[in-house]
Amino acid sequence: MSQFVSAVDDAGFEREVLQADVPVVLDFWAEWCPPCRALAPTFEELAKQYEGRVRFLKLNVDENQQVPQRFGIKGIPTLVFFDGGREVERVVGASSKAALERIVDKYVKVAA
């Protein structure tokens, strides 16, 4: 993926997402999906901007079916926001960077 965005699969979901010690934004996507490709640069920018405070992961729905089925993913891209191991928010379809920042900011842990 990149320095800031990592791939996750069905096998690593529990460890990488549900047991994460920081909030996680999980992008359900596929190679063939034009809106997914359009969202990718924004997702990368956000991952860089929130590095160390929020994890940005991508799960390919063509290669992994268990997690998308578990979370009822019907369309892609779908961004699911996790905090403390539970889903706290969901965005279906491409969204603006500003809109996504507003959501992420609600879950970012402020350093003491």
N, C-alpha and C. Protein backbone atom coordinates (compact mmCIF):
# COMPACT_ATOMS: atom_id res chain seq x y z
N MET A 1 0.83 -1.19 0.00
CA MET A 1 0.00 0.00 0.00
C MET A 1 0.88 1.26 0.00
N SER A 2 1.26 1.72 1.21
CA SER A 2 2.14 2.89 1.29
C SER A 2 2.73 2.97 2.69
N GLN A 3 3.49 4.01 2.91
CA GLN A 3 4.08 4.24 4.24
C GLN A 3 2.99 4.52 5.27
N PHE A 4 1.87 5.10 4.84
CA PHE A 4 0.84 5.56 5.77
C PHE A 4 -0.42 4.69 5.78
N VAL A 5 -0.66 3.94 4.70
CA VAL A 5 -1.85 3.10 4.58
C VAL A 5 -1.40 1.66 4.44
N SER A 6 -2.01 0.78 5.23
CA SER A 6 -1.67 -0.64 5.18
C SER A 6 -2.88 -1.45 4.73
N ALA A 7 -2.59 -2.62 4.18
CA ALA A 7 -3.65 -3.55 3.81
C ALA A 7 -3.94 -4.46 5.00
N VAL A 8 -5.18 -4.86 5.13
CA VAL A 8 -5.57 -5.82 6.14
C VAL A 8 -6.42 -6.88 5.43
N ASP A 9 -6.43 -8.09 5.98
CA ASP A 9 -7.25 -9.15 5.40
C ASP A 9 -8.13 -9.75 6.47
N ASP A 10 -8.96 -10.72 6.06
CA ASP A 10 -9.87 -11.36 7.01
C ASP A 10 -9.11 -11.91 8.22
N ALA A 11 -7.97 -12.54 7.98
CA ALA A 11 -7.19 -13.17 9.05
C ALA A 11 -6.65 -12.16 10.06
N GLY A 12 -6.25 -10.98 9.60
CA GLY A 12 -5.65 -9.99 10.48
C GLY A 12 -6.61 -8.96 11.03
N PHE A 13 -7.87 -9.04 10.64
CA PHE A 13 -8.85 -8.02 11.03
C PHE A 13 -8.96 -7.83 12.53
N GLU A 14 -9.13 -8.91 13.25
CA GLU A 14 -9.30 -8.83 14.70
C GLU A 14 -8.13 -8.09 15.35
N ARG A 15 -6.92 -8.50 15.00
CA ARG A 15 -5.71 -7.92 15.59
C ARG A 15 -5.49 -6.47 15.14
N GLU A 16 -5.61 -6.23 13.85
CA GLU A 16 -5.27 -4.92 13.29
C GLU A 16 -6.33 -3.85 13.51
N VAL A 17 -7.59 -4.27 13.60
CA VAL A 17 -8.69 -3.29 13.71
C VAL A 17 -9.32 -3.31 15.09
N LEU A 18 -9.85 -4.45 15.50
CA LEU A 18 -10.60 -4.50 16.75
C LEU A 18 -9.73 -4.37 17.99
N GLN A 19 -8.48 -4.79 17.90
CA GLN A 19 -7.57 -4.69 19.05
C GLN A 19 -6.62 -3.50 18.95
N ALA A 20 -6.82 -2.63 17.99
CA ALA A 20 -5.94 -1.47 17.81
C ALA A 20 -6.04 -0.54 19.02
N ASP A 21 -4.92 0.08 19.36
CA ASP A 21 -4.90 0.99 20.50
C ASP A 21 -5.18 2.44 20.10
N VAL A 22 -5.47 2.66 18.83
CA VAL A 22 -5.87 3.97 18.32
C VAL A 22 -7.09 3.76 17.44
N PRO A 23 -7.85 4.83 17.15
CA PRO A 23 -8.97 4.68 16.22
C PRO A 23 -8.48 4.17 14.86
N VAL A 24 -9.36 3.47 14.15
CA VAL A 24 -9.03 2.90 12.84
C VAL A 24 -10.08 3.34 11.83
N VAL A 25 -9.61 3.71 10.63
CA VAL A 25 -10.50 3.94 9.51
C VAL A 25 -10.22 2.83 8.52
N LEU A 26 -11.24 2.02 8.24
CA LEU A 26 -11.09 0.88 7.34
C LEU A 26 -11.83 1.16 6.05
N ASP A 27 -11.10 1.12 4.95
CA ASP A 27 -11.64 1.35 3.61
C ASP A 27 -11.91 0.01 2.95
N PHE A 28 -13.20 -0.30 2.73
CA PHE A 28 -13.59 -1.48 1.97
C PHE A 28 -13.59 -1.06 0.51
N TRP A 29 -12.78 -1.71 -0.32
CA TRP A 29 -12.56 -1.27 -1.70
C TRP A 29 -12.29 -2.45 -2.61
N ALA A 30 -12.16 -2.14 -3.92
CA ALA A 30 -11.76 -3.14 -4.93
C ALA A 30 -11.02 -2.42 -6.05
N GLU A 31 -10.13 -3.16 -6.71
CA GLU A 31 -9.32 -2.59 -7.80
C GLU A 31 -10.18 -2.02 -8.93
N TRP A 32 -11.27 -2.69 -9.26
CA TRP A 32 -12.09 -2.35 -10.42
C TRP A 32 -13.03 -1.18 -10.17
N CYS A 33 -13.06 -0.65 -8.97
CA CYS A 33 -14.04 0.36 -8.54
C CYS A 33 -13.51 1.79 -8.76
N PRO A 34 -14.05 2.52 -9.77
CA PRO A 34 -13.57 3.90 -10.02
C PRO A 34 -13.72 4.83 -8.82
N PRO A 35 -14.85 4.83 -8.08
CA PRO A 35 -14.92 5.71 -6.91
C PRO A 35 -13.88 5.35 -5.84
N CYS A 36 -13.55 4.06 -5.74
CA CYS A 36 -12.51 3.64 -4.79
C CYS A 36 -11.17 4.23 -5.17
N ARG A 37 -10.87 4.18 -6.46
CA ARG A 37 -9.60 4.74 -6.94
C ARG A 37 -9.58 6.26 -6.77
N ALA A 38 -10.73 6.90 -6.95
CA ALA A 38 -10.81 8.35 -6.80
C ALA A 38 -10.60 8.76 -5.34
N LEU A 39 -11.06 7.93 -4.41
CA LEU A 39 -10.93 8.23 -2.98
C LEU A 39 -9.51 7.98 -2.46
N ALA A 40 -8.76 7.13 -3.14
CA ALA A 40 -7.44 6.70 -2.65
C ALA A 40 -6.49 7.86 -2.30
N PRO A 41 -6.34 8.89 -3.14
CA PRO A 41 -5.41 9.98 -2.78
C PRO A 41 -5.85 10.72 -1.51
N THR A 42 -7.14 10.93 -1.35
CA THR A 42 -7.65 11.59 -0.15
C THR A 42 -7.39 10.74 1.08
N PHE A 43 -7.63 9.42 0.95
CA PHE A 43 -7.39 8.49 2.05
C PHE A 43 -5.92 8.52 2.45
N GLU A 44 -5.05 8.57 1.46
CA GLU A 44 -3.60 8.64 1.70
C GLU A 44 -3.23 9.94 2.41
N GLU A 45 -3.79 11.06 1.97
CA GLU A 45 -3.50 12.35 2.60
C GLU A 45 -3.93 12.35 4.07
N LEU A 46 -5.11 11.80 4.33
CA LEU A 46 -5.60 11.73 5.71
C LEU A 46 -4.70 10.84 6.56
N ALA A 47 -4.27 9.73 6.00
CA ALA A 47 -3.40 8.81 6.72
C ALA A 47 -2.10 9.50 7.11
N LYS A 48 -1.57 10.29 6.22
CA LYS A 48 -0.34 11.03 6.50
C LYS A 48 -0.60 12.10 7.56
N GLN A 49 -1.71 12.80 7.43
CA GLN A 49 -2.07 13.88 8.34
C GLN A 49 -2.27 13.38 9.78
N TYR A 50 -2.85 12.20 9.93
CA TYR A 50 -3.17 11.66 11.26
C TYR A 50 -2.19 10.57 11.70
N GLU A 51 -1.05 10.49 11.05
CA GLU A 51 -0.08 9.44 11.36
C GLU A 51 0.20 9.38 12.86
N GLY A 52 0.17 8.16 13.40
CA GLY A 52 0.45 7.94 14.81
C GLY A 52 -0.76 8.12 15.72
N ARG A 53 -1.81 8.75 15.21
CA ARG A 53 -3.00 8.99 16.03
C ARG A 53 -4.21 8.17 15.57
N VAL A 54 -4.22 7.83 14.28
CA VAL A 54 -5.31 7.04 13.68
C VAL A 54 -4.68 6.11 12.67
N ARG A 55 -5.14 4.85 12.63
CA ARG A 55 -4.64 3.90 11.61
C ARG A 55 -5.59 3.91 10.42
N PHE A 56 -5.03 3.93 9.24
CA PHE A 56 -5.80 3.89 8.00
C PHE A 56 -5.47 2.58 7.29
N LEU A 57 -6.48 1.73 7.16
CA LEU A 57 -6.31 0.41 6.57
C LEU A 57 -7.27 0.22 5.41
N LYS A 58 -6.87 -0.64 4.47
CA LYS A 58 -7.71 -0.96 3.32
C LYS A 58 -7.93 -2.46 3.28
N LEU A 59 -9.17 -2.86 3.00
CA LEU A 59 -9.51 -4.27 2.87
C LEU A 59 -10.15 -4.49 1.52
N ASN A 60 -9.49 -5.30 0.69
CA ASN A 60 -9.98 -5.60 -0.66
C ASN A 60 -11.14 -6.60 -0.55
N VAL A 61 -12.33 -6.17 -0.98
CA VAL A 61 -13.52 -7.02 -0.84
C VAL A 61 -13.54 -8.20 -1.79
N ASP A 62 -12.75 -8.14 -2.86
CA ASP A 62 -12.68 -9.27 -3.79
C ASP A 62 -11.82 -10.39 -3.22
N GLU A 63 -10.84 -10.04 -2.42
CA GLU A 63 -9.91 -11.02 -1.86
C GLU A 63 -10.31 -11.48 -0.45
N ASN A 64 -11.22 -10.76 0.18
CA ASN A 64 -11.64 -11.06 1.55
C ASN A 64 -13.15 -10.90 1.65
N GLN A 65 -13.85 -11.98 1.92
CA GLN A 65 -15.31 -11.89 1.99
C GLN A 65 -15.89 -11.96 3.41
N GLN A 66 -15.15 -12.49 4.36
CA GLN A 66 -15.70 -12.67 5.70
C GLN A 66 -16.00 -11.35 6.40
N VAL A 67 -15.05 -10.43 6.44
CA VAL A 67 -15.25 -9.17 7.15
C VAL A 67 -16.31 -8.31 6.46
N PRO A 68 -16.29 -8.15 5.13
CA PRO A 68 -17.36 -7.38 4.49
C PRO A 68 -18.75 -7.96 4.77
N GLN A 69 -18.86 -9.27 4.77
CA GLN A 69 -20.14 -9.91 5.06
C GLN A 69 -20.55 -9.64 6.51
N ARG A 70 -19.61 -9.77 7.42
CA ARG A 70 -19.87 -9.54 8.84
C ARG A 70 -20.40 -8.14 9.11
N PHE A 71 -19.91 -7.16 8.35
CA PHE A 71 -20.32 -5.77 8.55
C PHE A 71 -21.37 -5.30 7.55
N GLY A 72 -21.90 -6.22 6.76
CA GLY A 72 -22.99 -5.88 5.84
C GLY A 72 -22.61 -4.87 4.78
N ILE A 73 -21.39 -4.98 4.26
CA ILE A 73 -20.94 -4.05 3.23
C ILE A 73 -21.66 -4.37 1.92
N LYS A 74 -22.46 -3.42 1.43
CA LYS A 74 -23.25 -3.62 0.21
C LYS A 74 -22.69 -2.87 -0.98
N GLY A 75 -22.00 -1.75 -0.73
CA GLY A 75 -21.44 -0.93 -1.80
C GLY A 75 -20.07 -0.46 -1.40
N ILE A 76 -19.26 -0.16 -2.41
CA ILE A 76 -17.91 0.34 -2.14
C ILE A 76 -17.69 1.61 -2.96
N PRO A 77 -16.84 2.49 -2.48
CA PRO A 77 -16.10 2.39 -1.23
C PRO A 77 -17.01 2.61 -0.02
N THR A 78 -16.70 1.92 1.05
CA THR A 78 -17.33 2.15 2.35
C THR A 78 -16.21 2.32 3.36
N LEU A 79 -16.24 3.43 4.06
CA LEU A 79 -15.28 3.68 5.13
C LEU A 79 -15.98 3.42 6.46
N VAL A 80 -15.41 2.54 7.25
CA VAL A 80 -15.96 2.25 8.58
C VAL A 80 -14.95 2.73 9.61
N PHE A 81 -15.44 3.53 10.55
CA PHE A 81 -14.61 4.11 11.60
C PHE A 81 -14.79 3.26 12.86
N PHE A 82 -13.66 2.81 13.41
CA PHE A 82 -13.67 1.99 14.63
C PHE A 82 -12.95 2.75 15.73
N ASP A 83 -13.50 2.67 16.92
CA ASP A 83 -12.86 3.25 18.09
C ASP A 83 -13.09 2.30 19.25
N GLY A 84 -12.02 1.90 19.91
CA GLY A 84 -12.14 0.96 21.01
C GLY A 84 -12.69 -0.39 20.59
N GLY A 85 -12.42 -0.78 19.35
CA GLY A 85 -12.84 -2.09 18.87
C GLY A 85 -14.28 -2.18 18.42
N ARG A 86 -14.95 -1.05 18.32
CA ARG A 86 -16.33 -1.10 17.83
C ARG A 86 -16.56 -0.07 16.73
N GLU A 87 -17.51 -0.38 15.85
CA GLU A 87 -17.85 0.55 14.78
C GLU A 87 -18.56 1.74 15.38
N VAL A 88 -18.08 2.94 15.02
CA VAL A 88 -18.68 4.17 15.55
C VAL A 88 -19.29 5.03 14.46
N GLU A 89 -18.88 4.80 13.22
CA GLU A 89 -19.41 5.60 12.13
C GLU A 89 -19.11 4.91 10.81
N ARG A 90 -19.91 5.28 9.77
CA ARG A 90 -19.74 4.66 8.45
C ARG A 90 -20.07 5.69 7.38
N VAL A 91 -19.27 5.70 6.31
CA VAL A 91 -19.51 6.56 5.16
C VAL A 91 -19.50 5.66 3.92
N VAL A 92 -20.60 5.69 3.17
CA VAL A 92 -20.68 4.90 1.94
C VAL A 92 -20.52 5.84 0.76
N GLY A 93 -19.63 5.49 -0.16
CA GLY A 93 -19.36 6.31 -1.32
C GLY A 93 -18.21 7.27 -1.08
N ALA A 94 -17.77 7.89 -2.15
CA ALA A 94 -16.68 8.86 -2.04
C ALA A 94 -17.16 10.07 -1.26
N SER A 95 -16.27 10.66 -0.49
CA SER A 95 -16.60 11.81 0.32
C SER A 95 -15.42 12.79 0.26
N SER A 96 -15.70 14.04 0.60
CA SER A 96 -14.65 15.04 0.56
C SER A 96 -13.68 14.87 1.72
N LYS A 97 -12.49 15.40 1.56
CA LYS A 97 -11.49 15.35 2.62
C LYS A 97 -12.00 16.08 3.85
N ALA A 98 -12.63 17.24 3.66
CA ALA A 98 -13.14 18.01 4.80
C ALA A 98 -14.19 17.23 5.58
N ALA A 99 -15.07 16.55 4.89
CA ALA A 99 -16.12 15.77 5.56
C ALA A 99 -15.50 14.62 6.35
N LEU A 100 -14.51 13.97 5.78
CA LEU A 100 -13.85 12.86 6.47
C LEU A 100 -13.03 13.37 7.66
N GLU A 101 -12.40 14.52 7.52
CA GLU A 101 -11.65 15.10 8.63
C GLU A 101 -12.56 15.37 9.82
N ARG A 102 -13.77 15.88 9.55
CA ARG A 102 -14.70 16.16 10.65
C ARG A 102 -15.03 14.88 11.43
N ILE A 103 -15.18 13.78 10.71
CA ILE A 103 -15.49 12.51 11.38
C ILE A 103 -14.27 12.03 12.17
N VAL A 104 -13.11 12.00 11.52
CA VAL A 104 -11.89 11.51 12.18
C VAL A 104 -11.59 12.34 13.43
N ASP A 105 -11.77 13.64 13.34
CA ASP A 105 -11.47 14.52 14.47
C ASP A 105 -12.29 14.19 15.71
N LYS A 106 -13.47 13.62 15.53
CA LYS A 106 -14.30 13.26 16.68
C LYS A 106 -13.68 12.13 17.51
N TYR A 107 -12.80 11.32 16.87
CA TYR A 107 -12.28 10.13 17.55
C TYR A 107 -10.78 10.19 17.85
N VAL A 108 -10.13 11.24 17.39
CA VAL A 108 -8.69 11.37 17.63
C VAL A 108 -8.45 11.63 19.11
N LYS A 109 -7.54 10.87 19.65
CA LYS A 109 -7.19 11.04 21.07
C LYS A 109 -6.25 12.24 21.19
N VAL A 110 -6.62 13.17 22.03
CA VAL A 110 -5.82 14.36 22.24
C VAL A 110 -4.71 14.02 23.24
N ALA A 111 -3.48 14.36 22.87
CA ALA A 111 -2.34 14.08 23.75
C ALA A 111 -2.44 14.94 25.00
N ALA A 112 -2.15 14.34 26.13
CA ALA A 112 -2.25 15.06 27.41
C ALA A 112 -1.05 15.96 27.62
